[in-house]
Amino acid sequence: MTMTQTSATTSPDAGDLTARVRELQPLLAKNSAQGKKDRRVLEESIQALTGAGIFMSGPPRSADRVQVGRQQGRPHATVNS
């Protein structure tokens, strides 16, 4: 699986972020049981999410991050399995 590293000059939209999370679903599912047992997110999952730019989607653009909108209290960039 290949992931594109997000830089400060790249501003992915909600669709890009959704696609990135979908690519990570097999890895996150694989790590889920161990994460529940350990009561923490595995480092492998954190590194994959960081590399995909997922943690940069929360703060506003003024903080040099991607701003993902919300609709009716729900993020636009949701992934359904």
C-alpha atoms as a PDB file:
ATOM      1  CA  MET A   1       0.000   0.000   0.000  1.00  0.00           C
ATOM      2  CA  THR A   2       1.388   3.408  -0.900  1.00  0.00           C
ATOM      3  CA  MET A   3       0.507   6.635   0.832  1.00  0.00           C
ATOM      4  CA  THR A   4       1.291  10.163  -0.208  1.00  0.00           C
ATOM      5  CA  GLN A   5       2.902  12.318   2.448  1.00  0.00           C
ATOM      6  CA  THR A   6       0.968  15.566   2.937  1.00  0.00           C
ATOM      7  CA  SER A   7       2.950  18.777   3.031  1.00  0.00           C
ATOM      8  CA  ALA A   8       2.043  22.282   4.142  1.00  0.00           C
ATOM      9  CA  THR A   9       1.618  23.268   0.479  1.00  0.00           C
ATOM     10  CA  THR A  10      -0.918  20.518  -0.173  1.00  0.00           C
ATOM     11  CA  SER A  11      -4.509  21.050   0.860  1.00  0.00           C
ATOM     12  CA  PRO A  12      -6.485  17.867   0.258  1.00  0.00           C
ATOM     13  CA  ASP A  13     -10.243  18.185   0.193  1.00  0.00           C
ATOM     14  CA  ALA A  14     -12.709  15.963   2.033  1.00  0.00           C
ATOM     15  CA  GLY A  15     -12.821  13.539  -0.907  1.00  0.00           C
ATOM     16  CA  ASP A  16      -9.039  13.135  -0.848  1.00  0.00           C
ATOM     17  CA  LEU A  17      -9.059  12.475   2.886  1.00  0.00           C
ATOM     18  CA  THR A  18     -11.899   9.983   2.533  1.00  0.00           C
ATOM     19  CA  ALA A  19      -9.982   8.102  -0.162  1.00  0.00           C
ATOM     20  CA  ARG A  20      -6.875   8.020   2.025  1.00  0.00           C
ATOM     21  CA  VAL A  21      -8.798   6.603   4.993  1.00  0.00           C
ATOM     22  CA  ARG A  22     -10.396   3.974   2.755  1.00  0.00           C
ATOM     23  CA  GLU A  23      -6.910   2.904   1.672  1.00  0.00           C
ATOM     24  CA  LEU A  24      -5.965   2.500   5.336  1.00  0.00           C
ATOM     25  CA  GLN A  25      -9.030   0.441   6.326  1.00  0.00           C
ATOM     26  CA  PRO A  26      -7.310  -2.966   5.960  1.00  0.00           C
ATOM     27  CA  LEU A  27      -4.398  -1.873   8.149  1.00  0.00           C
ATOM     28  CA  LEU A  28      -6.657  -0.276  10.768  1.00  0.00           C
ATOM     29  CA  ALA A  29      -8.893  -3.352  10.842  1.00  0.00           C
ATOM     30  CA  LYS A  30      -5.830  -5.606  11.241  1.00  0.00           C
ATOM     31  CA  ASN A  31      -4.616  -3.529  14.196  1.00  0.00           C
ATOM     32  CA  SER A  32      -8.030  -3.100  15.810  1.00  0.00           C
ATOM     33  CA  ALA A  33      -8.104  -6.171  18.049  1.00  0.00           C
ATOM     34  CA  GLN A  34      -4.612  -5.549  19.432  1.00  0.00           C
ATOM     35  CA  GLY A  35      -5.443  -1.878  19.963  1.00  0.00           C
ATOM     36  CA  LYS A  36      -8.547  -2.796  21.946  1.00  0.00           C
ATOM     37  CA  LYS A  37      -6.559  -5.279  24.005  1.00  0.00           C
ATOM     38  CA  ASP A  38      -3.816  -2.707  24.702  1.00  0.00           C
ATOM     39  CA  ARG A  39      -6.391   0.084  25.160  1.00  0.00           C
ATOM     40  CA  ARG A  40      -4.418   2.306  22.800  1.00  0.00           C
ATOM     41  CA  VAL A  41      -3.948   2.901  19.092  1.00  0.00           C
ATOM     42  CA  LEU A  42      -1.007   0.977  17.696  1.00  0.00           C
ATOM     43  CA  GLU A  43       1.968   3.054  16.568  1.00  0.00           C
ATOM     44  CA  GLU A  44       1.710   1.522  13.088  1.00  0.00           C
ATOM     45  CA  SER A  45      -1.822   2.921  12.762  1.00  0.00           C
ATOM     46  CA  ILE A  46      -0.790   6.342  14.059  1.00  0.00           C
ATOM     47  CA  GLN A  47       2.114   6.509  11.604  1.00  0.00           C
ATOM     48  CA  ALA A  48      -0.133   5.506   8.695  1.00  0.00           C
ATOM     49  CA  LEU A  49      -2.782   8.102   9.603  1.00  0.00           C
ATOM     50  CA  THR A  50      -0.113  10.763  10.070  1.00  0.00           C
ATOM     51  CA  GLY A  51       1.484   9.934   6.726  1.00  0.00           C
ATOM     52  CA  ALA A  52      -1.905  10.187   5.032  1.00  0.00           C
ATOM     53  CA  GLY A  53      -2.434  13.669   6.483  1.00  0.00           C
ATOM     54  CA  ILE A  54      -5.507  12.676   8.482  1.00  0.00           C
ATOM     55  CA  PHE A  55      -4.438  14.438  11.696  1.00  0.00           C
ATOM     56  CA  MET A  56      -4.025  17.687   9.775  1.00  0.00           C
ATOM     57  CA  SER A  57      -7.726  17.855   8.910  1.00  0.00           C
ATOM     58  CA  GLY A  58      -9.048  19.334  12.155  1.00  0.00           C
ATOM     59  CA  PRO A  59      -7.566  22.759  12.866  1.00  0.00           C
ATOM     60  CA  PRO A  60      -8.634  25.717  10.707  1.00  0.00           C
ATOM     61  CA  ARG A  61      -6.722  26.862   7.633  1.00  0.00           C
ATOM     62  CA  SER A  62      -5.242  29.736   9.640  1.00  0.00           C
ATOM     63  CA  ALA A  63      -3.236  27.094  11.496  1.00  0.00           C
ATOM     64  CA  ASP A  64      -1.870  25.885   8.104  1.00  0.00           C
ATOM     65  CA  ARG A  65      -4.026  22.768   8.168  1.00  0.00           C
ATOM     66  CA  VAL A  66      -6.859  21.395   6.065  1.00  0.00           C
ATOM     67  CA  GLN A  67     -10.320  22.419   7.174  1.00  0.00           C
ATOM     68  CA  VAL A  68     -12.965  19.776   6.621  1.00  0.00           C
ATOM     69  CA  GLY A  69     -16.498  21.099   6.821  1.00  0.00           C
ATOM     70  CA  ARG A  70     -19.287  19.784   8.980  1.00  0.00           C
ATOM     71  CA  GLN A  71     -22.866  19.234   8.037  1.00  0.00           C
ATOM     72  CA  GLN A  72     -25.548  18.698  10.663  1.00  0.00           C
ATOM     73  CA  GLY A  73     -22.862  18.022  13.280  1.00  0.00           C
ATOM     74  CA  ARG A  74     -21.177  15.337  11.167  1.00  0.00           C
ATOM     75  CA  PRO A  75     -17.859  15.610   9.336  1.00  0.00           C
ATOM     76  CA  HIS A  76     -18.104  15.611   5.544  1.00  0.00           C
ATOM     77  CA  ALA A  77     -15.171  13.229   5.295  1.00  0.00           C
ATOM     78  CA  THR A  78     -16.775  10.107   6.682  1.00  0.00           C
ATOM     79  CA  VAL A  79     -16.018   6.529   5.677  1.00  0.00           C
ATOM     80  CA  ASN A  80     -18.655   3.841   5.836  1.00  0.00           C
ATOM     81  CA  SER A  81     -17.582   0.225   5.859  1.00  0.00           C
END
